[in-house]
Amino acid sequence: MRTPLLGPVIGLLALVVGVGLGLWLDPTVPPWVQPYLPIAVVAALDAVFGGVHAMLDGRFDAKVFVVSFVSNVLVAALIVLLGDALGVGAQLSTAVVVVLGIRIFSNAAAIRRHLFKA
């Protein structure tokens, strides 16, 4: 019999282990990756908030979440790469952050409404 809390507990444990390893190993980011890292983090956060929203609505699918997570990060990085190639990297980075930020806040509002009925 599978307990309903097993998935979130494993996810939380993985998060704690990952943060602990990051603090202990103190990795450095190569200079060529630095322009893409903030955009990748925002894209990943968009997928996470979308996944939580889908879970609360009862329509979460792990396969859809993984594909969304990876594709969000890749598309956002490719847009920034294209912007760098065209010489407008900062403008396209801002555009990506604005669009993904709107989606994150929209999902956060839906999560808030679901949890607090407000």
PDB file of N, CA and C in Angstrom:
ATOM      1  N   MET A   1       0.839  -1.183   0.000  1.00  0.00           N
ATOM      2  CA  MET A   1       0.000   0.000   0.000  1.00  0.00           C
ATOM      3  C   MET A   1       0.885   1.248   0.000  1.00  0.00           C
ATOM      4  N   ARG A   2       0.604   2.151  -0.872  1.00  0.00           N
ATOM      5  CA  ARG A   2       1.400   3.365  -1.002  1.00  0.00           C
ATOM      6  C   ARG A   2       0.765   4.488  -0.191  1.00  0.00           C
ATOM      7  N   THR A   3       1.572   5.144   0.619  1.00  0.00           N
ATOM      8  CA  THR A   3       1.055   6.251   1.409  1.00  0.00           C
ATOM      9  C   THR A   3       1.059   7.521   0.577  1.00  0.00           C
ATOM     10  N   PRO A   4       0.059   8.375   0.735  1.00  0.00           N
ATOM     11  CA  PRO A   4      -0.020   9.582  -0.089  1.00  0.00           C
ATOM     12  C   PRO A   4       1.068  10.600   0.218  1.00  0.00           C
ATOM     13  N   LEU A   5       1.702  10.531   1.367  1.00  0.00           N
ATOM     14  CA  LEU A   5       2.739  11.501   1.713  1.00  0.00           C
ATOM     15  C   LEU A   5       4.138  11.066   1.281  1.00  0.00           C
ATOM     16  N   LEU A   6       4.275   9.849   0.748  1.00  0.00           N
ATOM     17  CA  LEU A   6       5.590   9.347   0.391  1.00  0.00           C
ATOM     18  C   LEU A   6       6.265  10.203  -0.685  1.00  0.00           C
ATOM     19  N   GLY A   7       5.532  10.596  -1.716  1.00  0.00           N
ATOM     20  CA  GLY A   7       6.101  11.411  -2.791  1.00  0.00           C
ATOM     21  C   GLY A   7       6.633  12.748  -2.299  1.00  0.00           C
ATOM     22  N   PRO A   8       5.818  13.537  -1.585  1.00  0.00           N
ATOM     23  CA  PRO A   8       6.326  14.820  -1.078  1.00  0.00           C
ATOM     24  C   PRO A   8       7.485  14.665  -0.105  1.00  0.00           C
ATOM     25  N   VAL A   9       7.471  13.602   0.703  1.00  0.00           N
ATOM     26  CA  VAL A   9       8.562  13.394   1.655  1.00  0.00           C
ATOM     27  C   VAL A   9       9.859  13.091   0.908  1.00  0.00           C
ATOM     28  N   ILE A  10       9.777  12.272  -0.126  1.00  0.00           N
ATOM     29  CA  ILE A  10      10.968  11.971  -0.929  1.00  0.00           C
ATOM     30  C   ILE A  10      11.465  13.237  -1.618  1.00  0.00           C
ATOM     31  N   GLY A  11      10.548  14.040  -2.152  1.00  0.00           N
ATOM     32  CA  GLY A  11      10.936  15.297  -2.803  1.00  0.00           C
ATOM     33  C   GLY A  11      11.601  16.259  -1.832  1.00  0.00           C
ATOM     34  N   LEU A  12      11.049  16.380  -0.643  1.00  0.00           N
ATOM     35  CA  LEU A  12      11.626  17.265   0.370  1.00  0.00           C
ATOM     36  C   LEU A  12      12.997  16.755   0.814  1.00  0.00           C
ATOM     37  N   LEU A  13      13.123  15.452   0.980  1.00  0.00           N
ATOM     38  CA  LEU A  13      14.412  14.863   1.357  1.00  0.00           C
ATOM     39  C   LEU A  13      15.455  15.106   0.264  1.00  0.00           C
ATOM     40  N   ALA A  14      15.056  14.942  -0.999  1.00  0.00           N
ATOM     41  CA  ALA A  14      15.970  15.195  -2.106  1.00  0.00           C
ATOM     42  C   ALA A  14      16.398  16.660  -2.139  1.00  0.00           C
ATOM     43  N   LEU A  15      15.466  17.566  -1.854  1.00  0.00           N
ATOM     44  CA  LEU A  15      15.791  18.990  -1.812  1.00  0.00           C
ATOM     45  C   LEU A  15      16.807  19.289  -0.711  1.00  0.00           C
ATOM     46  N   VAL A  16      16.592  18.729   0.467  1.00  0.00           N
ATOM     47  CA  VAL A  16      17.506  18.952   1.586  1.00  0.00           C
ATOM     48  C   VAL A  16      18.890  18.386   1.271  1.00  0.00           C
ATOM     49  N   VAL A  17      18.940  17.184   0.701  1.00  0.00           N
ATOM     50  CA  VAL A  17      20.233  16.584   0.341  1.00  0.00           C
ATOM     51  C   VAL A  17      20.928  17.430  -0.727  1.00  0.00           C
ATOM     52  N   GLY A  18      20.174  17.898  -1.723  1.00  0.00           N
ATOM     53  CA  GLY A  18      20.762  18.716  -2.774  1.00  0.00           C
ATOM     54  C   GLY A  18      21.322  20.031  -2.260  1.00  0.00           C
ATOM     55  N   VAL A  19      20.574  20.699  -1.398  1.00  0.00           N
ATOM     56  CA  VAL A  19      21.060  21.953  -0.819  1.00  0.00           C
ATOM     57  C   VAL A  19      22.286  21.693   0.052  1.00  0.00           C
ATOM     58  N   GLY A  20      22.241  20.614   0.829  1.00  0.00           N
ATOM     59  CA  GLY A  20      23.395  20.263   1.669  1.00  0.00           C
ATOM     60  C   GLY A  20      24.636  19.987   0.844  1.00  0.00           C
ATOM     61  N   LEU A  21      24.480  19.224  -0.247  1.00  0.00           N
ATOM     62  CA  LEU A  21      25.626  18.950  -1.114  1.00  0.00           C
ATOM     63  C   LEU A  21      26.146  20.227  -1.766  1.00  0.00           C
ATOM     64  N   GLY A  22      25.236  21.102  -2.165  1.00  0.00           N
ATOM     65  CA  GLY A  22      25.656  22.360  -2.767  1.00  0.00           C
ATOM     66  C   GLY A  22      26.449  23.225  -1.812  1.00  0.00           C
ATOM     67  N   LEU A  23      26.014  23.263  -0.559  1.00  0.00           N
ATOM     68  CA  LEU A  23      26.745  24.053   0.444  1.00  0.00           C
ATOM     69  C   LEU A  23      28.083  23.412   0.790  1.00  0.00           C
ATOM     70  N   TRP A  24      28.111  22.103   0.853  1.00  0.00           N
ATOM     71  CA  TRP A  24      29.331  21.396   1.230  1.00  0.00           C
ATOM     72  C   TRP A  24      30.371  21.418   0.107  1.00  0.00           C
ATOM     73  N   LEU A  25      29.944  21.192  -1.136  1.00  0.00           N
ATOM     74  CA  LEU A  25      30.874  21.132  -2.264  1.00  0.00           C
ATOM     75  C   LEU A  25      31.246  22.513  -2.786  1.00  0.00           C
ATOM     76  N   ASP A  26      30.406  23.517  -2.531  1.00  0.00           N
ATOM     77  CA  ASP A  26      30.644  24.891  -2.972  1.00  0.00           C
ATOM     78  C   ASP A  26      31.060  24.954  -4.448  1.00  0.00           C
ATOM     79  N   PRO A  27      30.159  24.523  -5.353  1.00  0.00           N
ATOM     80  CA  PRO A  27      30.527  24.505  -6.773  1.00  0.00           C
ATOM     81  C   PRO A  27      30.667  25.914  -7.340  1.00  0.00           C
ATOM     82  N   THR A  28      31.506  26.050  -8.347  1.00  0.00           N
ATOM     83  CA  THR A  28      31.636  27.325  -9.056  1.00  0.00           C
ATOM     84  C   THR A  28      30.982  27.193 -10.426  1.00  0.00           C
ATOM     85  N   VAL A  29      30.397  28.275 -10.865  1.00  0.00           N
ATOM     86  CA  VAL A  29      29.728  28.288 -12.157  1.00  0.00           C
ATOM     87  C   VAL A  29      30.706  28.818 -13.195  1.00  0.00           C
ATOM     88  N   PRO A  30      30.926  28.072 -14.284  1.00  0.00           N
ATOM     89  CA  PRO A  30      31.823  28.567 -15.338  1.00  0.00           C
ATOM     90  C   PRO A  30      31.303  29.889 -15.917  1.00  0.00           C
ATOM     91  N   PRO A  31      32.207  30.773 -16.296  1.00  0.00           N
ATOM     92  CA  PRO A  31      31.774  32.093 -16.796  1.00  0.00           C
ATOM     93  C   PRO A  31      30.834  32.028 -17.997  1.00  0.00           C
ATOM     94  N   TRP A  32      30.991  31.043 -18.869  1.00  0.00           N
ATOM     95  CA  TRP A  32      30.134  30.976 -20.056  1.00  0.00           C
ATOM     96  C   TRP A  32      28.708  30.564 -19.710  1.00  0.00           C
ATOM     97  N   VAL A  33      28.473  29.991 -18.524  1.00  0.00           N
ATOM     98  CA  VAL A  33      27.141  29.569 -18.110  1.00  0.00           C
ATOM     99  C   VAL A  33      26.427  30.677 -17.331  1.00  0.00           C
ATOM    100  N   GLN A  34      27.170  31.604 -16.760  1.00  0.00           N
ATOM    101  CA  GLN A  34      26.606  32.603 -15.862  1.00  0.00           C
ATOM    102  C   GLN A  34      25.442  33.412 -16.452  1.00  0.00           C
ATOM    103  N   PRO A  35      25.468  33.811 -17.730  1.00  0.00           N
ATOM    104  CA  PRO A  35      24.316  34.573 -18.242  1.00  0.00           C
ATOM    105  C   PRO A  35      23.039  33.740 -18.330  1.00  0.00           C
ATOM    106  N   TYR A  36      23.178  32.419 -18.419  1.00  0.00           N
ATOM    107  CA  TYR A  36      22.026  31.548 -18.619  1.00  0.00           C
ATOM    108  C   TYR A  36      21.462  31.010 -17.305  1.00  0.00           C
ATOM    109  N   LEU A  37      22.241  31.002 -16.253  1.00  0.00           N
ATOM    110  CA  LEU A  37      21.814  30.398 -14.999  1.00  0.00           C
ATOM    111  C   LEU A  37      20.591  31.079 -14.381  1.00  0.00           C
ATOM    112  N   PRO A  38      20.547  32.404 -14.270  1.00  0.00           N
ATOM    113  CA  PRO A  38      19.341  33.026 -13.687  1.00  0.00           C
ATOM    114  C   PRO A  38      18.082  32.737 -14.504  1.00  0.00           C
ATOM    115  N   ILE A  39      18.216  32.721 -15.814  1.00  0.00           N
ATOM    116  CA  ILE A  39      17.072  32.443 -16.682  1.00  0.00           C
ATOM    117  C   ILE A  39      16.631  30.997 -16.496  1.00  0.00           C
ATOM    118  N   ALA A  40      17.587  30.082 -16.385  1.00  0.00           N
ATOM    119  CA  ALA A  40      17.252  28.675 -16.169  1.00  0.00           C
ATOM    120  C   ALA A  40      16.553  28.478 -14.828  1.00  0.00           C
ATOM    121  N   VAL A  41      16.988  29.192 -13.814  1.00  0.00           N
ATOM    122  CA  VAL A  41      16.353  29.082 -12.491  1.00  0.00           C
ATOM    123  C   VAL A  41      14.914  29.599 -12.551  1.00  0.00           C
ATOM    124  N   VAL A  42      14.683  30.708 -13.205  1.00  0.00           N
ATOM    125  CA  VAL A  42      13.331  31.255 -13.316  1.00  0.00           C
ATOM    126  C   VAL A  42      12.445  30.301 -14.124  1.00  0.00           C
ATOM    127  N   ALA A  43      12.991  29.729 -15.192  1.00  0.00           N
ATOM    128  CA  ALA A  43      12.225  28.769 -15.993  1.00  0.00           C
ATOM    129  C   ALA A  43      11.892  27.524 -15.176  1.00  0.00           C
ATOM    130  N   ALA A  44      12.843  27.060 -14.377  1.00  0.00           N
ATOM    131  CA  ALA A  44      12.591  25.896 -13.524  1.00  0.00           C
ATOM    132  C   ALA A  44      11.541  26.220 -12.465  1.00  0.00           C
ATOM    133  N   LEU A  45      11.613  27.412 -11.881  1.00  0.00           N
ATOM    134  CA  LEU A  45      10.601  27.813 -10.897  1.00  0.00           C
ATOM    135  C   LEU A  45       9.211  27.872 -11.524  1.00  0.00           C
ATOM    136  N   ASP A  46       9.135  28.316 -12.767  1.00  0.00           N
ATOM    137  CA  ASP A  46       7.852  28.343 -13.471  1.00  0.00           C
ATOM    138  C   ASP A  46       7.283  26.929 -13.567  1.00  0.00           C
ATOM    139  N   ALA A  47       8.120  25.968 -13.921  1.00  0.00           N
ATOM    140  CA  ALA A  47       7.652  24.583 -14.021  1.00  0.00           C
ATOM    141  C   ALA A  47       7.232  24.046 -12.658  1.00  0.00           C
ATOM    142  N   VAL A  48       7.982  24.372 -11.613  1.00  0.00           N
ATOM    143  CA  VAL A  48       7.650  23.886 -10.266  1.00  0.00           C
ATOM    144  C   VAL A  48       6.313  24.462  -9.793  1.00  0.00           C
ATOM    145  N   PHE A  49       6.124  25.762  -9.960  1.00  0.00           N
ATOM    146  CA  PHE A  49       4.855  26.366  -9.545  1.00  0.00           C
ATOM    147  C   PHE A  49       3.702  25.814 -10.373  1.00  0.00           C
ATOM    148  N   GLY A  50       3.927  25.587 -11.660  1.00  0.00           N
ATOM    149  CA  GLY A  50       2.901  24.969 -12.495  1.00  0.00           C
ATOM    150  C   GLY A  50       2.587  23.553 -12.038  1.00  0.00           C
ATOM    151  N   GLY A  51       3.610  22.807 -11.626  1.00  0.00           N
ATOM    152  CA  GLY A  51       3.395  21.453 -11.118  1.00  0.00           C
ATOM    153  C   GLY A  51       2.611  21.432  -9.824  1.00  0.00           C
ATOM    154  N   VAL A  52       2.929  22.357  -8.914  1.00  0.00           N
ATOM    155  CA  VAL A  52       2.184  22.440  -7.652  1.00  0.00           C
ATOM    156  C   VAL A  52       0.732  22.817  -7.928  1.00  0.00           C
ATOM    157  N   HIS A  53       0.530  23.761  -8.828  1.00  0.00           N
ATOM    158  CA  HIS A  53      -0.833  24.156  -9.205  1.00  0.00           C
ATOM    159  C   HIS A  53      -1.596  22.964  -9.776  1.00  0.00           C
ATOM    160  N   ALA A  54      -0.964  22.216 -10.676  1.00  0.00           N
ATOM    161  CA  ALA A  54      -1.608  21.041 -11.263  1.00  0.00           C
ATOM    162  C   ALA A  54      -1.900  19.979 -10.198  1.00  0.00           C
ATOM    163  N   MET A  55      -0.983  19.799  -9.260  1.00  0.00           N
ATOM    164  CA  MET A  55      -1.186  18.814  -8.196  1.00  0.00           C
ATOM    165  C   MET A  55      -2.398  19.188  -7.344  1.00  0.00           C
ATOM    166  N   LEU A  56      -2.509  20.458  -6.986  1.00  0.00           N
ATOM    167  CA  LEU A  56      -3.641  20.896  -6.163  1.00  0.00           C
ATOM    168  C   LEU A  56      -4.960  20.798  -6.921  1.00  0.00           C
ATOM    169  N   ASP A  57      -4.909  20.930  -8.237  1.00  0.00           N
ATOM    170  CA  ASP A  57      -6.122  20.788  -9.053  1.00  0.00           C
ATOM    171  C   ASP A  57      -6.435  19.336  -9.376  1.00  0.00           C
ATOM    172  N   GLY A  58      -5.538  18.426  -8.980  1.00  0.00           N
ATOM    173  CA  GLY A  58      -5.760  17.006  -9.223  1.00  0.00           C
ATOM    174  C   GLY A  58      -5.476  16.569 -10.643  1.00  0.00           C
ATOM    175  N   ARG A  59      -4.672  17.308 -11.371  1.00  0.00           N
ATOM    176  CA  ARG A  59      -4.356  16.962 -12.756  1.00  0.00           C
ATOM    177  C   ARG A  59      -2.851  16.834 -12.992  1.00  0.00           C
ATOM    178  N   PHE A  60      -2.095  16.554 -11.944  1.00  0.00           N
ATOM    179  CA  PHE A  60      -0.640  16.437 -12.059  1.00  0.00           C
ATOM    180  C   PHE A  60      -0.266  15.147 -12.763  1.00  0.00           C
ATOM    181  N   ASP A  61       0.678  15.258 -13.688  1.00  0.00           N
ATOM    182  CA  ASP A  61       1.230  14.097 -14.379  1.00  0.00           C
ATOM    183  C   ASP A  61       2.746  14.253 -14.352  1.00  0.00           C
ATOM    184  N   ALA A  62       3.444  13.274 -13.798  1.00  0.00           N
ATOM    185  CA  ALA A  62       4.892  13.369 -13.637  1.00  0.00           C
ATOM    186  C   ALA A  62       5.596  13.528 -14.978  1.00  0.00           C
ATOM    187  N   LYS A  63       5.141  12.829 -15.997  1.00  0.00           N
ATOM    188  CA  LYS A  63       5.773  12.916 -17.316  1.00  0.00           C
ATOM    189  C   LYS A  63       5.637  14.331 -17.888  1.00  0.00           C
ATOM    190  N   VAL A  64       4.450  14.893 -17.760  1.00  0.00           N
ATOM    191  CA  VAL A  64       4.217  16.262 -18.234  1.00  0.00           C
ATOM    192  C   VAL A  64       5.094  17.239 -17.455  1.00  0.00           C
ATOM    193  N   PHE A  65       5.218  17.025 -16.143  1.00  0.00           N
ATOM    194  CA  PHE A  65       6.049  17.909 -15.330  1.00  0.00           C
ATOM    195  C   PHE A  65       7.505  17.868 -15.767  1.00  0.00           C
ATOM    196  N   VAL A  66       8.057  16.681 -15.960  1.00  0.00           N
ATOM    197  CA  VAL A  66       9.469  16.557 -16.351  1.00  0.00           C
ATOM    198  C   VAL A  66       9.698  17.185 -17.722  1.00  0.00           C
ATOM    199  N   VAL A  67       8.806  16.908 -18.661  1.00  0.00           N
ATOM    200  CA  VAL A  67       8.949  17.493 -20.002  1.00  0.00           C
ATOM    201  C   VAL A  67       8.832  19.014 -19.927  1.00  0.00           C
ATOM    202  N   SER A  68       7.885  19.520 -19.136  1.00  0.00           N
ATOM    203  CA  SER A  68       7.722  20.960 -18.969  1.00  0.00           C
ATOM    204  C   SER A  68       8.961  21.583 -18.344  1.00  0.00           C
ATOM    205  N   PHE A  69       9.486  20.940 -17.310  1.00  0.00           N
ATOM    206  CA  PHE A  69      10.668  21.444 -16.608  1.00  0.00           C
ATOM    207  C   PHE A  69      11.851  21.562 -17.569  1.00  0.00           C
ATOM    208  N   VAL A  70      12.156  20.480 -18.268  1.00  0.00           N
ATOM    209  CA  VAL A  70      13.315  20.466 -19.172  1.00  0.00           C
ATOM    210  C   VAL A  70      13.105  21.409 -20.346  1.00  0.00           C
ATOM    211  N   SER A  71      11.913  21.384 -20.934  1.00  0.00           N
ATOM    212  CA  SER A  71      11.688  22.237 -22.107  1.00  0.00           C
ATOM    213  C   SER A  71      11.680  23.717 -21.729  1.00  0.00           C
ATOM    214  N   ASN A  72      11.127  24.084 -20.567  1.00  0.00           N
ATOM    215  CA  ASN A  72      11.167  25.486 -20.128  1.00  0.00           C
ATOM    216  C   ASN A  72      12.599  25.980 -20.012  1.00  0.00           C
ATOM    217  N   VAL A  73      13.438  25.180 -19.378  1.00  0.00           N
ATOM    218  CA  VAL A  73      14.836  25.584 -19.187  1.00  0.00           C
ATOM    219  C   VAL A  73      15.550  25.682 -20.530  1.00  0.00           C
ATOM    220  N   LEU A  74      15.360  24.705 -21.399  1.00  0.00           N
ATOM    221  CA  LEU A  74      16.042  24.731 -22.703  1.00  0.00           C
ATOM    222  C   LEU A  74      15.565  25.887 -23.581  1.00  0.00           C
ATOM    223  N   VAL A  75      14.267  26.105 -23.644  1.00  0.00           N
ATOM    224  CA  VAL A  75      13.748  27.192 -24.480  1.00  0.00           C
ATOM    225  C   VAL A  75      14.213  28.546 -23.952  1.00  0.00           C
ATOM    226  N   ALA A  76      14.168  28.735 -22.646  1.00  0.00           N
ATOM    227  CA  ALA A  76      14.623  30.008 -22.071  1.00  0.00           C
ATOM    228  C   ALA A  76      16.105  30.224 -22.362  1.00  0.00           C
ATOM    229  N   ALA A  77      16.925  29.181 -22.210  1.00  0.00           N
ATOM    230  CA  ALA A  77      18.359  29.311 -22.491  1.00  0.00           C
ATOM    231  C   ALA A  77      18.607  29.582 -23.975  1.00  0.00           C
ATOM    232  N   LEU A  78      17.843  28.936 -24.848  1.00  0.00           N
ATOM    233  CA  LEU A  78      18.010  29.182 -26.281  1.00  0.00           C
ATOM    234  C   LEU A  78      17.608  30.600 -26.662  1.00  0.00           C
ATOM    235  N   ILE A  79      16.579  31.140 -26.034  1.00  0.00           N
ATOM    236  CA  ILE A  79      16.183  32.527 -26.312  1.00  0.00           C
ATOM    237  C   ILE A  79      17.296  33.483 -25.899  1.00  0.00           C
ATOM    238  N   VAL A  80      17.901  33.246 -24.734  1.00  0.00           N
ATOM    239  CA  VAL A  80      19.004  34.103 -24.288  1.00  0.00           C
ATOM    240  C   VAL A  80      20.210  33.928 -25.204  1.00  0.00           C
ATOM    241  N   LEU A  81      20.491  32.697 -25.621  1.00  0.00           N
ATOM    242  CA  LEU A  81      21.594  32.444 -26.562  1.00  0.00           C
ATOM    243  C   LEU A  81      21.357  33.188 -27.880  1.00  0.00           C
ATOM    244  N   LEU A  82      20.145  33.139 -28.386  1.00  0.00           N
ATOM    245  CA  LEU A  82      19.801  33.870 -29.610  1.00  0.00           C
ATOM    246  C   LEU A  82      19.976  35.371 -29.404  1.00  0.00           C
ATOM    247  N   GLY A  83      19.528  35.867 -28.254  1.00  0.00           N
ATOM    248  CA  GLY A  83      19.694  37.287 -27.949  1.00  0.00           C
ATOM    249  C   GLY A  83      21.155  37.690 -27.897  1.00  0.00           C
ATOM    250  N   ASP A  84      21.993  36.833 -27.315  1.00  0.00           N
ATOM    251  CA  ASP A  84      23.432  37.123 -27.282  1.00  0.00           C
ATOM    252  C   ASP A  84      24.008  37.152 -28.694  1.00  0.00           C
ATOM    253  N   ALA A  85      23.581  36.231 -29.533  1.00  0.00           N
ATOM    254  CA  ALA A  85      24.080  36.180 -30.911  1.00  0.00           C
ATOM    255  C   ALA A  85      23.650  37.408 -31.703  1.00  0.00           C
ATOM    256  N   LEU A  86      22.473  37.940 -31.391  1.00  0.00           N
ATOM    257  CA  LEU A  86      21.970  39.125 -32.087  1.00  0.00           C
ATOM    258  C   LEU A  86      22.427  40.425 -31.443  1.00  0.00           C
ATOM    259  N   GLY A  87      23.066  40.324 -30.280  1.00  0.00           N
ATOM    260  CA  GLY A  87      23.532  41.519 -29.584  1.00  0.00           C
ATOM    261  C   GLY A  87      22.482  42.176 -28.713  1.00  0.00           C
ATOM    262  N   VAL A  88      21.389  41.465 -28.461  1.00  0.00           N
ATOM    263  CA  VAL A  88      20.317  42.008 -27.613  1.00  0.00           C
ATOM    264  C   VAL A  88      20.013  41.036 -26.468  1.00  0.00           C
ATOM    265  N   GLY A  89      21.044  40.419 -25.932  1.00  0.00           N
ATOM    266  CA  GLY A  89      20.872  39.403 -24.895  1.00  0.00           C
ATOM    267  C   GLY A  89      20.180  39.917 -23.658  1.00  0.00           C
ATOM    268  N   ALA A  90      20.530  41.126 -23.217  1.00  0.00           N
ATOM    269  CA  ALA A  90      19.923  41.674 -22.002  1.00  0.00           C
ATOM    270  C   ALA A  90      18.428  41.912 -22.192  1.00  0.00           C
ATOM    271  N   GLN A  91      18.043  42.397 -23.358  1.00  0.00           N
ATOM    272  CA  GLN A  91      16.631  42.673 -23.614  1.00  0.00           C
ATOM    273  C   GLN A  91      15.818  41.384 -23.662  1.00  0.00           C
ATOM    274  N   LEU A  92      16.355  40.362 -24.333  1.00  0.00           N
ATOM    275  CA  LEU A  92      15.623  39.098 -24.396  1.00  0.00           C
ATOM    276  C   LEU A  92      15.608  38.398 -23.039  1.00  0.00           C
ATOM    277  N   SER A  93      16.673  38.543 -22.267  1.00  0.00           N
ATOM    278  CA  SER A  93      16.683  37.977 -20.917  1.00  0.00           C
ATOM    279  C   SER A  93      15.599  38.624 -20.076  1.00  0.00           C
ATOM    280  N   THR A  94      15.463  39.927 -20.184  1.00  0.00           N
ATOM    281  CA  THR A  94      14.419  40.639 -19.454  1.00  0.00           C
ATOM    282  C   THR A  94      13.044  40.176 -19.895  1.00  0.00           C
ATOM    283  N   ALA A  95      12.865  40.002 -21.189  1.00  0.00           N
ATOM    284  CA  ALA A  95      11.570  39.547 -21.708  1.00  0.00           C
ATOM    285  C   ALA A  95      11.224  38.160 -21.169  1.00  0.00           C
ATOM    286  N   VAL A  96      12.205  37.263 -21.146  1.00  0.00           N
ATOM    287  CA  VAL A  96      11.964  35.911 -20.629  1.00  0.00           C
ATOM    288  C   VAL A  96      11.603  35.965 -19.154  1.00  0.00           C
ATOM    289  N   VAL A  97      12.314  36.762 -18.380  1.00  0.00           N
ATOM    290  CA  VAL A  97      12.031  36.869 -16.947  1.00  0.00           C
ATOM    291  C   VAL A  97      10.637  37.454 -16.717  1.00  0.00           C
ATOM    292  N   VAL A  98      10.244  38.446 -17.502  1.00  0.00           N
ATOM    293  CA  VAL A  98       8.921  39.054 -17.344  1.00  0.00           C
ATOM    294  C   VAL A  98       7.824  38.030 -17.659  1.00  0.00           C
ATOM    295  N   VAL A  99       7.946  37.336 -18.769  1.00  0.00           N
ATOM    296  CA  VAL A  99       6.919  36.364 -19.159  1.00  0.00           C
ATOM    297  C   VAL A  99       6.832  35.234 -18.139  1.00  0.00           C
ATOM    298  N   LEU A 100       7.972  34.676 -17.760  1.00  0.00           N
ATOM    299  CA  LEU A 100       7.948  33.583 -16.790  1.00  0.00           C
ATOM    300  C   LEU A 100       7.523  34.079 -15.412  1.00  0.00           C
ATOM    301  N   GLY A 101       7.892  35.309 -15.066  1.00  0.00           N
ATOM    302  CA  GLY A 101       7.459  35.883 -13.799  1.00  0.00           C
ATOM    303  C   GLY A 101       5.950  36.027 -13.732  1.00  0.00           C
ATOM    304  N   ILE A 102       5.342  36.446 -14.819  1.00  0.00           N
ATOM    305  CA  ILE A 102       3.881  36.554 -14.870  1.00  0.00           C
ATOM    306  C   ILE A 102       3.251  35.183 -14.666  1.00  0.00           C
ATOM    307  N   ARG A 103       3.813  34.171 -15.313  1.00  0.00           N
ATOM    308  CA  ARG A 103       3.286  32.805 -15.145  1.00  0.00           C
ATOM    309  C   ARG A 103       3.472  32.308 -13.711  1.00  0.00           C
ATOM    310  N   ILE A 104       4.626  32.609 -13.113  1.00  0.00           N
ATOM    311  CA  ILE A 104       4.875  32.181 -11.737  1.00  0.00           C
ATOM    312  C   ILE A 104       3.865  32.831 -10.797  1.00  0.00           C
ATOM    313  N   PHE A 105       3.655  34.131 -10.924  1.00  0.00           N
ATOM    314  CA  PHE A 105       2.703  34.816 -10.052  1.00  0.00           C
ATOM    315  C   PHE A 105       1.274  34.357 -10.303  1.00  0.00           C
ATOM    316  N   SER A 106       0.944  34.038 -11.540  1.00  0.00           N
ATOM    317  CA  SER A 106      -0.389  33.505 -11.845  1.00  0.00           C
ATOM    318  C   SER A 106      -0.598  32.157 -11.164  1.00  0.00           C
ATOM    319  N   ASN A 107       0.407  31.282 -11.252  1.00  0.00           N
ATOM    320  CA  ASN A 107       0.311  29.983 -10.581  1.00  0.00           C
ATOM    321  C   ASN A 107       0.301  30.147  -9.064  1.00  0.00           C
ATOM    322  N   ALA A 108       1.103  31.085  -8.544  1.00  0.00           N
ATOM    323  CA  ALA A 108       1.126  31.326  -7.098  1.00  0.00           C
ATOM    324  C   ALA A 108      -0.238  31.813  -6.624  1.00  0.00           C
ATOM    325  N   ALA A 109      -0.893  32.656  -7.411  1.00  0.00           N
ATOM    326  CA  ALA A 109      -2.229  33.131  -7.045  1.00  0.00           C
ATOM    327  C   ALA A 109      -3.224  31.973  -7.048  1.00  0.00           C
ATOM    328  N   ALA A 110      -3.134  31.091  -8.022  1.00  0.00           N
ATOM    329  CA  ALA A 110      -4.030  29.936  -8.072  1.00  0.00           C
ATOM    330  C   ALA A 110      -3.778  29.006  -6.888  1.00  0.00           C
ATOM    331  N   ILE A 111      -2.515  28.832  -6.524  1.00  0.00           N
ATOM    332  CA  ILE A 111      -2.169  28.002  -5.363  1.00  0.00           C
ATOM    333  C   ILE A 111      -2.729  28.636  -4.095  1.00  0.00           C
ATOM    334  N   ARG A 112      -2.556  29.942  -3.954  1.00  0.00           N
ATOM    335  CA  ARG A 112      -3.093  30.649  -2.790  1.00  0.00           C
ATOM    336  C   ARG A 112      -4.601  30.501  -2.690  1.00  0.00           C
ATOM    337  N   ARG A 113      -5.289  30.680  -3.831  1.00  0.00           N
ATOM    338  CA  ARG A 113      -6.751  30.541  -3.841  1.00  0.00           C
ATOM    339  C   ARG A 113      -7.162  29.129  -3.437  1.00  0.00           C
ATOM    340  N   HIS A 114      -6.409  28.146  -3.910  1.00  0.00           N
ATOM    341  CA  HIS A 114      -6.744  26.751  -3.592  1.00  0.00           C
ATOM    342  C   HIS A 114      -6.515  26.446  -2.113  1.00  0.00           C
ATOM    343  N   LEU A 115      -5.398  26.916  -1.573  1.00  0.00           N
ATOM    344  CA  LEU A 115      -5.052  26.608  -0.184  1.00  0.00           C
ATOM    345  C   LEU A 115      -5.863  27.404   0.826  1.00  0.00           C
ATOM    346  N   PHE A 116      -6.047  28.683   0.553  1.00  0.00           N
ATOM    347  CA  PHE A 116      -6.678  29.565   1.540  1.00  0.00           C
ATOM    348  C   PHE A 116      -8.097  29.969   1.154  1.00  0.00           C
ATOM    349  N   LYS A 117      -8.577  29.480   0.039  1.00  0.00           N
ATOM    350  CA  LYS A 117      -9.914  29.819  -0.445  1.00  0.00           C
ATOM    351  C   LYS A 117     -10.122  31.324  -0.501  1.00  0.00           C
ATOM    352  N   ALA A 118      -9.037  32.043  -0.868  1.00  0.00           N
ATOM    353  CA  ALA A 118      -9.115  33.506  -0.930  1.00  0.00           C
ATOM    354  C   ALA A 118      -8.448  34.024  -2.181  1.00  0.00           C
TER     355      ALA A 118
END
